[in-house]
Amino acid sequence: MQRLFTTLGAAVLVCSWLPAAEDWPQFRGPRGDGTSTATNVPLAWSETNNLAWKVSLPGRGRSSPVVLDDRIWLTTAIEQGVQRTRIGPDDMQTAEHVSLQALCLERVDGRILWQTTLFDVDKPDPVHWLNSWATPTPVIEPGRFYCDFGTFGTACLDSETGKVVWQTRLPLDHQVGPGSSPVVYRNLLILVRDGRDAQYVTALDKTTGKPVWKTDRPPLQASSPNLKKSFSTPLLIHAAGRTQLVSTSPQWVVAYDPATGSEIWRGRHGQGFSIGTCPAFGDGLVFIGTGCMKAQLLAVGVDGQGDVTDTQVRWKSLRQIPIMSSPVLAGADLYWVSDEGMATCADPRTGDIFWQERLGEPHLASPLSAEGRIYFFGQAGKTTVVKAGRQFDKLAENRLDGTVIATPAVADNALFLRTDTHLYRIGKE
């Protein structure tokens, strides 16, 4: 089966607005890298222990919750006539109709404050069974909420009222549904579009939704359009004296100037495609997954210019590399978990493995780092918490009901975890 997308998410590192440390304004948090500086993050929980609340969500989606101050925002799809079916080699789902919506919830009790329909779509393009029609994670900033549903549409809302500010649509043949999440940089909303029919990165004026720049991906050598699609969310970094937007695509990883879309450097990683893994960054290296074919994890230097394929790739690993979830740096070490549930701790400078441990179920959500711990979220609802370090030390194993594919958020002293049916606030006041 061809693998696909990410649960996406977006990274905001350098922008006109910097969120408070305890907020979680986009996929993988304030730095877009899965790390949290929050304190008193819960260690142990269950359906009957250490829950502030659990609320039923309308519809279904695999996007992550985002958190700012006293509110939580989500996207969801209200589905009608869903059927599971095989299309070619892929395990897919079709629908008669989907209503793509945005939600705002009260942080203290999970009460829904507003619910806005953004796009009504009859007979939408099919999506993979592990995907959804609402998978890209939105971005929140004071006063504005940005939602992207890939080919189905993009919108900006007033975050207080849910009123639509603007809407637009950039059609694309995703083949298995949308996955890349938007990134905010200064006055721009940056979108990745790596489909079967077109591959490019573009920026919209975030106040109007009008296009500002568009840059085509490097040339691809592929025998089939399916080998040209990908689902990775880009990462904003500051390195080599400048801001860079690092974005993995089929066959390439590319750094762009986020203000103009001009290419800074590119490196060829092979024939990989359907990449869900998003970059991580530390000590002058970005760490990228290469997706389908034989999944690899590469460390690439970020101080080059032009084609850096032969000069900036520092190491490669083929050991239990994820297609879906993203690596996370904690302290001096790099962590990842394969789709099948093998967790790894490695040296980010060399790729040398310190430990690998099987966690017992598939893992598609990205791991998080908080309070010297790594949180690994299993698809069947089990979260394994380990102490960050070069010896495997399991601190807790927690179980909730439901399917977990969306990456959770961390805010202040709580985890916000989304299943296919519910949103949990884990950790009591």
Protein backbone atom coordinates (compact mmCIF):
# COMPACT_ATOMS: atom_id res chain seq x y z
CA MET A 1 0.00 0.00 0.00
CA GLN A 2 1.30 3.41 -0.86
CA ARG A 3 1.73 5.48 2.28
CA LEU A 4 0.70 9.03 2.45
CA PHE A 5 0.45 12.08 4.50
CA THR A 6 1.11 13.76 7.72
CA THR A 7 -1.24 14.73 10.45
CA LEU A 8 0.11 17.50 9.92
CA GLY A 9 1.07 20.56 10.75
CA ALA A 10 2.59 23.99 10.54
CA ALA A 11 5.64 25.73 11.94
CA VAL A 12 5.91 29.35 13.02
CA LEU A 13 9.43 30.30 14.10
CA VAL A 14 10.02 33.79 12.76
CA CYS A 15 7.00 36.03 12.41
CA SER A 16 5.60 39.39 13.42
CA TRP A 17 3.85 37.79 16.37
CA LEU A 18 5.51 35.50 18.90
CA PRO A 19 3.11 33.42 21.04
CA ALA A 20 3.48 32.92 24.77
CA ALA A 21 5.48 29.86 25.72
CA GLU A 22 2.48 28.01 27.15
CA ASP A 23 0.43 28.35 23.93
CA TRP A 24 0.41 25.90 21.01
CA PRO A 25 -0.54 27.92 17.92
CA GLN A 26 0.12 25.37 15.14
CA PHE A 27 1.21 21.81 14.46
CA ARG A 28 4.21 20.88 16.61
CA GLY A 29 4.01 23.98 18.77
CA PRO A 30 5.45 27.50 18.90
CA ARG A 31 8.75 26.50 17.25
CA GLY A 32 7.16 23.97 14.91
CA ASP A 33 9.44 21.24 16.24
CA GLY A 34 7.38 19.26 18.76
CA THR A 35 9.06 20.76 21.86
CA SER A 36 7.33 22.40 24.81
CA THR A 37 8.69 24.60 27.59
CA ALA A 38 5.51 24.11 29.64
CA THR A 39 5.72 22.95 33.24
CA ASN A 40 3.59 20.44 35.15
CA VAL A 41 2.80 18.52 31.96
CA PRO A 42 0.81 15.38 32.90
CA LEU A 43 2.75 12.13 33.21
CA ALA A 44 -0.03 9.59 33.91
CA TRP A 45 -3.71 9.41 32.94
CA SER A 46 -6.56 7.15 31.87
CA GLU A 47 -10.26 7.39 31.04
CA THR A 48 -10.94 7.68 34.78
CA ASN A 49 -7.83 9.46 36.06
CA ASN A 50 -6.28 12.92 35.67
CA LEU A 51 -8.75 14.22 33.07
CA ALA A 52 -10.02 17.80 33.30
CA TRP A 53 -12.65 17.04 30.67
CA LYS A 54 -13.57 14.92 27.64
CA VAL A 55 -15.95 16.32 25.02
CA SER A 56 -17.56 14.77 21.97
CA LEU A 57 -16.58 16.48 18.71
CA PRO A 58 -18.88 16.99 15.72
CA GLY A 59 -17.60 15.29 12.59
CA ARG A 60 -14.14 13.82 12.17
CA GLY A 61 -10.68 15.13 11.39
CA ARG A 62 -7.02 14.29 11.85
CA SER A 63 -5.85 17.91 12.29
CA SER A 64 -4.26 18.84 15.62
CA PRO A 65 -5.91 21.22 18.09
CA VAL A 66 -4.30 24.65 18.44
CA VAL A 67 -4.38 26.67 21.65
CA LEU A 68 -4.10 30.38 22.43
CA ASP A 69 -4.86 31.91 25.81
CA ASP A 70 -8.20 30.55 27.07
CA ARG A 71 -9.45 28.95 23.83
CA ILE A 72 -8.88 25.94 21.56
CA TRP A 73 -9.50 25.79 17.80
CA LEU A 74 -10.04 22.78 15.53
CA THR A 75 -11.09 21.86 12.02
CA THR A 76 -13.46 19.02 11.26
CA ALA A 77 -15.42 17.36 8.46
CA ILE A 78 -19.11 16.50 8.85
CA GLU A 79 -19.39 13.45 6.60
CA GLN A 80 -22.37 11.88 4.83
CA GLY A 81 -22.44 8.52 3.07
CA VAL A 82 -18.88 7.42 3.85
CA GLN A 83 -17.84 4.10 2.34
CA ARG A 84 -14.54 2.29 2.70
CA THR A 85 -13.25 0.98 -0.63
CA ARG A 86 -10.08 -0.04 -2.39
CA ILE A 87 -8.93 2.20 -5.24
CA GLY A 88 -5.96 0.66 -7.00
CA PRO A 89 -3.49 -0.36 -4.29
CA ASP A 90 -4.86 2.03 -1.67
CA ASP A 91 -7.31 1.59 1.23
CA MET A 92 -9.60 4.57 0.59
CA GLN A 93 -12.89 6.17 1.63
CA THR A 94 -15.49 8.03 -0.39
CA ALA A 95 -18.33 10.28 0.74
CA GLU A 96 -21.55 11.63 -0.72
CA HIS A 97 -20.96 15.01 0.95
CA VAL A 98 -18.62 16.67 3.43
CA SER A 99 -19.08 19.95 5.29
CA LEU A 100 -15.67 21.37 6.21
CA GLN A 101 -15.92 23.36 9.41
CA ALA A 102 -13.97 25.29 12.04
CA LEU A 103 -14.63 25.09 15.78
CA CYS A 104 -13.68 27.19 18.79
CA LEU A 105 -13.86 25.70 22.30
CA GLU A 106 -13.55 27.08 25.79
CA ARG A 107 -10.26 25.88 27.27
CA VAL A 108 -11.50 25.54 30.83
CA ASP A 109 -14.38 23.14 30.13
CA GLY A 110 -14.35 22.20 26.40
CA ARG A 111 -17.63 23.99 25.66
CA ILE A 112 -18.07 24.83 21.94
CA LEU A 113 -18.24 28.63 21.56
CA TRP A 114 -18.79 28.75 17.80
CA GLN A 115 -18.90 26.44 14.79
CA THR A 116 -18.53 27.78 11.24
CA THR A 117 -19.07 25.97 7.95
CA LEU A 118 -16.38 26.96 5.44
CA PHE A 119 -16.85 24.66 2.45
CA ASP A 120 -19.66 22.30 1.44
CA VAL A 121 -18.42 19.69 -1.02
CA ASP A 122 -20.57 17.17 -2.88
CA LYS A 123 -18.82 13.92 -3.78
CA PRO A 124 -15.38 15.11 -2.65
CA ASP A 125 -12.23 13.49 -3.97
CA PRO A 126 -11.60 10.24 -2.06
CA VAL A 127 -9.07 10.22 0.79
CA HIS A 128 -7.05 7.42 2.32
CA TRP A 129 -8.64 5.46 5.17
CA LEU A 130 -5.91 6.75 7.52
CA ASN A 131 -6.45 10.30 6.29
CA SER A 132 -9.50 12.57 6.54
CA TRP A 133 -11.05 15.49 4.70
CA ALA A 134 -9.82 17.73 7.56
CA THR A 135 -6.21 16.72 8.15
CA PRO A 136 -4.00 19.86 7.77
CA THR A 137 -3.54 21.56 11.14
CA PRO A 138 -4.71 25.20 11.29
CA VAL A 139 -2.78 28.21 12.62
CA ILE A 140 -4.02 30.61 15.29
CA GLU A 141 -2.74 34.10 16.07
CA PRO A 142 -4.40 37.00 17.91
CA GLY A 143 -7.56 37.89 16.01
CA ARG A 144 -7.12 35.48 13.10
CA PHE A 145 -7.54 31.75 12.48
CA TYR A 146 -6.20 30.18 9.26
CA CYS A 147 -7.61 26.88 7.97
CA ASP A 148 -6.43 24.85 4.99
CA PHE A 149 -8.18 21.80 3.58
CA GLY A 150 -5.83 21.30 0.64
CA THR A 151 -7.64 21.11 -2.68
CA PHE A 152 -11.01 21.70 -0.97
CA GLY A 153 -10.20 25.27 0.08
CA THR A 154 -8.35 27.70 2.35
CA ALA A 155 -9.91 30.28 4.68
CA CYS A 156 -9.18 32.97 7.24
CA LEU A 157 -11.63 33.60 10.09
CA ASP A 158 -12.04 36.10 12.88
CA SER A 159 -10.84 33.98 15.79
CA GLU A 160 -13.24 35.55 18.28
CA THR A 161 -16.46 35.25 16.30
CA GLY A 162 -15.83 32.61 13.63
CA LYS A 163 -16.81 35.07 10.90
CA VAL A 164 -15.12 34.37 7.56
CA VAL A 165 -12.62 37.07 6.53
CA TRP A 166 -11.62 35.52 3.19
CA GLN A 167 -11.76 32.24 1.29
CA THR A 168 -9.85 30.89 -1.69
CA ARG A 169 -9.13 27.60 -3.42
CA LEU A 170 -5.92 26.18 -4.91
CA PRO A 171 -7.02 22.91 -6.57
CA LEU A 172 -4.66 19.95 -6.52
CA ASP A 173 -4.76 16.21 -7.15
CA HIS A 174 -3.61 14.88 -3.76
CA GLN A 175 -4.60 11.29 -4.75
CA VAL A 176 -5.07 10.24 -1.10
CA GLY A 177 -6.23 13.53 0.43
CA PRO A 178 -4.59 16.65 1.89
CA GLY A 179 -1.88 16.58 4.54
CA SER A 180 0.51 19.57 4.51
CA SER A 181 -0.32 22.29 7.04
CA PRO A 182 0.06 26.05 6.51
CA VAL A 183 2.86 28.21 7.91
CA VAL A 184 2.58 31.88 8.87
CA TYR A 185 5.56 34.15 8.21
CA ARG A 186 5.11 37.87 8.82
CA ASN A 187 2.25 38.93 6.50
CA LEU A 188 2.21 35.63 4.57
CA LEU A 189 0.32 32.36 4.79
CA ILE A 190 2.60 29.79 3.14
CA LEU A 191 1.14 26.62 1.59
CA VAL A 192 2.82 23.53 0.16
CA ARG A 193 1.13 21.86 -2.79
CA ASP A 194 2.84 18.60 -3.77
CA GLY A 195 0.26 16.71 -5.84
CA ARG A 196 0.19 14.30 -8.73
CA ASP A 197 -0.55 17.09 -11.19
CA ALA A 198 1.53 20.00 -9.82
CA GLN A 199 4.24 20.58 -7.22
CA TYR A 200 4.92 24.04 -5.81
CA VAL A 201 5.13 26.24 -2.71
CA THR A 202 3.10 29.44 -2.57
CA ALA A 203 2.42 32.37 -0.24
CA LEU A 204 -0.84 34.27 0.19
CA ASP A 205 -1.30 37.68 1.75
CA LYS A 206 -2.74 36.63 5.07
CA THR A 207 -5.01 39.70 5.27
CA THR A 208 -6.64 39.20 1.86
CA GLY A 209 -5.87 35.66 0.66
CA LYS A 210 -4.36 37.05 -2.55
CA PRO A 211 -1.26 35.33 -4.01
CA VAL A 212 2.11 36.98 -3.31
CA TRP A 213 4.60 34.44 -4.70
CA LYS A 214 4.69 30.94 -6.13
CA THR A 215 7.77 28.73 -6.67
CA ASP A 216 7.78 25.45 -8.56
CA ARG A 217 9.53 22.46 -7.03
CA PRO A 218 12.78 21.12 -8.55
CA PRO A 219 12.36 18.75 -11.51
CA LEU A 220 11.17 15.23 -10.68
CA GLN A 221 12.16 11.98 -12.37
CA ALA A 222 9.13 9.75 -11.83
CA SER A 223 7.52 6.96 -13.84
CA SER A 224 4.05 7.67 -12.41
CA PRO A 225 2.19 10.78 -11.19
CA ASN A 226 1.64 8.96 -7.87
CA LEU A 227 5.38 9.19 -7.21
CA LYS A 228 5.19 13.01 -7.31
CA LYS A 229 2.86 13.57 -4.34
CA SER A 230 3.88 14.41 -0.79
CA PHE A 231 2.41 15.74 2.48
CA SER A 232 5.19 17.26 4.57
CA THR A 233 4.75 20.54 6.47
CA PRO A 234 7.66 22.99 6.15
CA LEU A 235 9.76 24.36 9.02
CA LEU A 236 10.93 27.95 9.50
CA ILE A 237 14.46 28.23 10.89
CA HIS A 238 17.06 30.95 11.35
CA ALA A 239 20.45 29.71 10.20
CA ALA A 240 23.50 30.88 8.25
CA GLY A 241 22.47 34.48 8.96
CA ARG A 242 19.03 34.29 7.39
CA THR A 243 15.52 32.93 7.76
CA GLN A 244 14.92 29.75 5.78
CA LEU A 245 11.76 27.83 4.98
CA VAL A 246 12.87 24.17 4.83
CA SER A 247 10.45 21.97 2.93
CA THR A 248 10.77 18.30 1.99
CA SER A 249 9.27 17.18 -1.30
CA PRO A 250 9.47 14.05 -3.43
CA GLN A 251 13.15 13.44 -4.27
CA TRP A 252 14.32 16.79 -2.83
CA VAL A 253 14.64 18.89 0.30
CA VAL A 254 14.65 22.62 -0.45
CA ALA A 255 15.25 25.81 1.57
CA TYR A 256 13.45 28.95 0.42
CA ASP A 257 13.51 32.61 1.38
CA PRO A 258 10.03 32.78 2.93
CA ALA A 259 9.60 36.45 2.02
CA THR A 260 10.08 35.95 -1.73
CA GLY A 261 9.97 32.22 -2.46
CA SER A 262 13.46 32.31 -3.97
CA GLU A 263 15.41 29.08 -3.55
CA ILE A 264 18.45 29.14 -1.23
CA TRP A 265 19.61 25.54 -1.52
CA ARG A 266 18.36 22.12 -2.55
CA GLY A 267 19.51 18.57 -1.86
CA ARG A 268 18.38 15.38 -3.56
CA HIS A 269 17.41 12.62 -1.14
CA GLY A 270 16.57 9.88 -3.64
CA GLN A 271 13.26 8.58 -5.00
CA GLY A 272 11.17 9.08 -1.84
CA PHE A 273 7.58 10.36 -2.05
CA SER A 274 4.37 10.45 0.05
CA ILE A 275 6.41 12.03 2.82
CA GLY A 276 4.55 12.76 6.03
CA THR A 277 7.62 13.41 8.15
CA CYS A 278 8.28 17.09 8.85
CA PRO A 279 11.79 18.50 9.43
CA ALA A 280 13.45 19.05 12.79
CA PHE A 281 16.39 21.43 13.27
CA GLY A 282 19.33 21.76 15.64
CA ASP A 283 23.06 22.57 15.68
CA GLY A 284 23.12 23.59 12.04
CA LEU A 285 21.41 20.44 10.75
CA VAL A 286 17.90 19.70 9.52
CA PHE A 287 16.64 16.16 9.92
CA ILE A 288 14.27 14.98 7.17
CA GLY A 289 12.43 11.77 6.33
CA THR A 290 12.22 10.53 2.74
CA GLY A 291 8.85 8.74 2.84
CA CYS A 292 7.94 5.79 0.64
CA MET A 293 10.33 3.53 -1.25
CA LYS A 294 12.87 2.74 1.49
CA ALA A 295 12.34 5.31 4.22
CA GLN A 296 15.52 7.09 5.29
CA LEU A 297 16.33 9.83 7.80
CA LEU A 298 18.91 12.37 6.60
CA ALA A 299 20.88 15.06 8.42
CA VAL A 300 21.56 17.98 6.09
CA GLY A 301 23.65 21.10 6.75
CA VAL A 302 21.82 24.39 6.20
CA ASP A 303 24.67 26.77 5.37
CA GLY A 304 24.98 25.91 1.67
CA GLN A 305 23.91 27.50 -1.60
CA GLY A 306 22.55 25.90 -4.77
CA ASP A 307 22.64 22.10 -5.10
CA VAL A 308 24.12 20.72 -1.85
CA THR A 309 23.48 17.03 -2.53
CA ASP A 310 27.18 16.16 -2.56
CA THR A 311 28.34 18.58 0.14
CA GLN A 312 25.78 18.97 2.95
CA VAL A 313 24.33 15.50 3.64
CA ARG A 314 26.08 14.54 6.89
CA TRP A 315 24.55 11.11 7.57
CA LYS A 316 21.72 8.78 6.61
CA SER A 317 19.88 6.16 8.65
CA LEU A 318 17.59 3.38 7.42
CA ARG A 319 16.80 1.95 10.86
CA GLN A 320 13.06 1.94 11.63
CA ILE A 321 12.39 5.32 10.01
CA PRO A 322 8.82 6.72 10.02
CA ILE A 323 6.88 7.66 6.89
CA MET A 324 4.18 9.49 8.84
CA SER A 325 5.45 10.98 12.09
CA SER A 326 8.24 13.51 12.63
CA PRO A 327 11.47 13.38 14.64
CA VAL A 328 11.99 15.52 17.74
CA LEU A 329 15.15 16.85 19.38
CA ALA A 330 15.41 16.84 23.17
CA GLY A 331 18.60 17.88 24.88
CA ALA A 332 21.53 16.44 22.96
CA ASP A 333 19.59 13.59 21.36
CA LEU A 334 17.20 12.90 18.46
CA TYR A 335 14.09 10.74 18.82
CA TRP A 336 11.68 9.19 16.33
CA VAL A 337 9.16 6.35 16.13
CA SER A 338 8.43 4.20 13.09
CA ASP A 339 4.89 3.75 11.78
CA GLU A 340 5.01 0.21 13.19
CA GLY A 341 5.89 1.50 16.69
CA MET A 342 9.67 1.11 17.07
CA ALA A 343 10.99 4.06 19.10
CA THR A 344 14.58 5.22 18.58
CA CYS A 345 17.07 7.51 20.32
CA ALA A 346 20.09 8.58 18.25
CA ASP A 347 23.03 10.96 18.22
CA PRO A 348 22.00 13.89 15.97
CA ARG A 349 25.62 14.57 15.00
CA THR A 350 26.37 11.08 13.69
CA GLY A 351 23.11 9.10 13.47
CA ASP A 352 24.51 6.46 15.86
CA ILE A 353 21.69 4.62 17.66
CA PHE A 354 21.65 4.65 21.46
CA TRP A 355 18.50 2.55 21.91
CA GLN A 356 15.51 1.13 20.06
CA GLU A 357 12.40 -0.20 21.79
CA ARG A 358 9.17 -1.64 20.42
CA LEU A 359 6.10 0.15 21.81
CA GLY A 360 3.49 -2.37 20.80
CA GLU A 361 1.15 -0.68 18.30
CA PRO A 362 1.33 1.54 15.20
CA HIS A 363 2.35 5.17 15.77
CA LEU A 364 1.26 7.81 13.25
CA ALA A 365 1.12 10.94 15.43
CA SER A 366 4.40 12.79 15.99
CA PRO A 367 6.16 12.46 19.36
CA LEU A 368 6.49 15.45 21.69
CA SER A 369 9.22 16.60 24.10
CA ALA A 370 8.29 18.22 27.41
CA GLU A 371 9.85 18.41 30.89
CA GLY A 372 12.71 16.07 30.03
CA ARG A 373 10.33 13.43 28.68
CA ILE A 374 9.38 12.08 25.26
CA TYR A 375 5.70 11.31 24.64
CA PHE A 376 4.93 8.65 21.99
CA PHE A 377 1.27 8.43 20.93
CA GLY A 378 0.01 5.07 19.66
CA GLN A 379 -2.77 4.78 17.08
CA ALA A 380 -4.92 2.60 19.36
CA GLY A 381 -4.84 5.12 22.23
CA LYS A 382 -1.75 4.15 24.22
CA THR A 383 0.75 6.88 25.12
CA THR A 384 4.20 5.77 26.23
CA VAL A 385 6.22 8.34 28.20
CA VAL A 386 9.98 7.82 28.45
CA LYS A 387 12.71 9.79 30.14
CA ALA A 388 14.82 11.69 27.63
CA GLY A 389 18.27 10.12 27.63
CA ARG A 390 20.59 7.54 26.14
CA GLN A 391 19.18 4.68 28.21
CA PHE A 392 15.59 3.58 27.67
CA ASP A 393 13.62 4.45 30.82
CA LYS A 394 9.83 4.09 30.55
CA LEU A 395 8.08 6.40 33.01
CA ALA A 396 4.42 5.72 32.23
CA GLU A 397 2.05 3.92 29.90
CA ASN A 398 -1.37 5.54 29.51
CA ARG A 399 -4.47 4.29 27.70
CA LEU A 400 -7.48 6.15 26.28
CA ASP A 401 -10.37 4.93 24.15
CA GLY A 402 -10.36 5.71 20.45
CA THR A 403 -8.08 6.15 17.45
CA VAL A 404 -5.21 8.66 17.78
CA ILE A 405 -3.72 9.94 14.53
CA ALA A 406 -3.75 13.70 15.21
CA THR A 407 -0.67 14.91 17.07
CA PRO A 408 -1.65 16.30 20.51
CA ALA A 409 -0.96 19.84 21.74
CA VAL A 410 0.76 20.92 24.96
CA ALA A 411 -0.31 24.10 26.69
CA ASP A 412 0.58 25.20 30.20
CA ASN A 413 -0.10 22.20 32.47
CA ALA A 414 -2.25 20.19 30.05
CA LEU A 415 -2.19 17.91 27.04
CA PHE A 416 -4.96 18.31 24.47
CA LEU A 417 -5.42 15.00 22.71
CA ARG A 418 -7.83 14.39 19.84
CA THR A 419 -9.28 11.02 18.91
CA ASP A 420 -11.63 10.40 15.99
CA THR A 421 -14.60 11.17 18.23
CA HIS A 422 -13.46 13.23 21.24
CA LEU A 423 -11.13 15.94 22.49
CA TYR A 424 -9.48 15.38 25.87
CA ARG A 425 -7.92 17.86 28.22
CA ILE A 426 -5.47 15.73 30.19
CA GLY A 427 -4.29 17.14 33.51
CA LYS A 428 -6.40 18.82 36.15
CA GLU A 429 -5.96 22.37 37.38
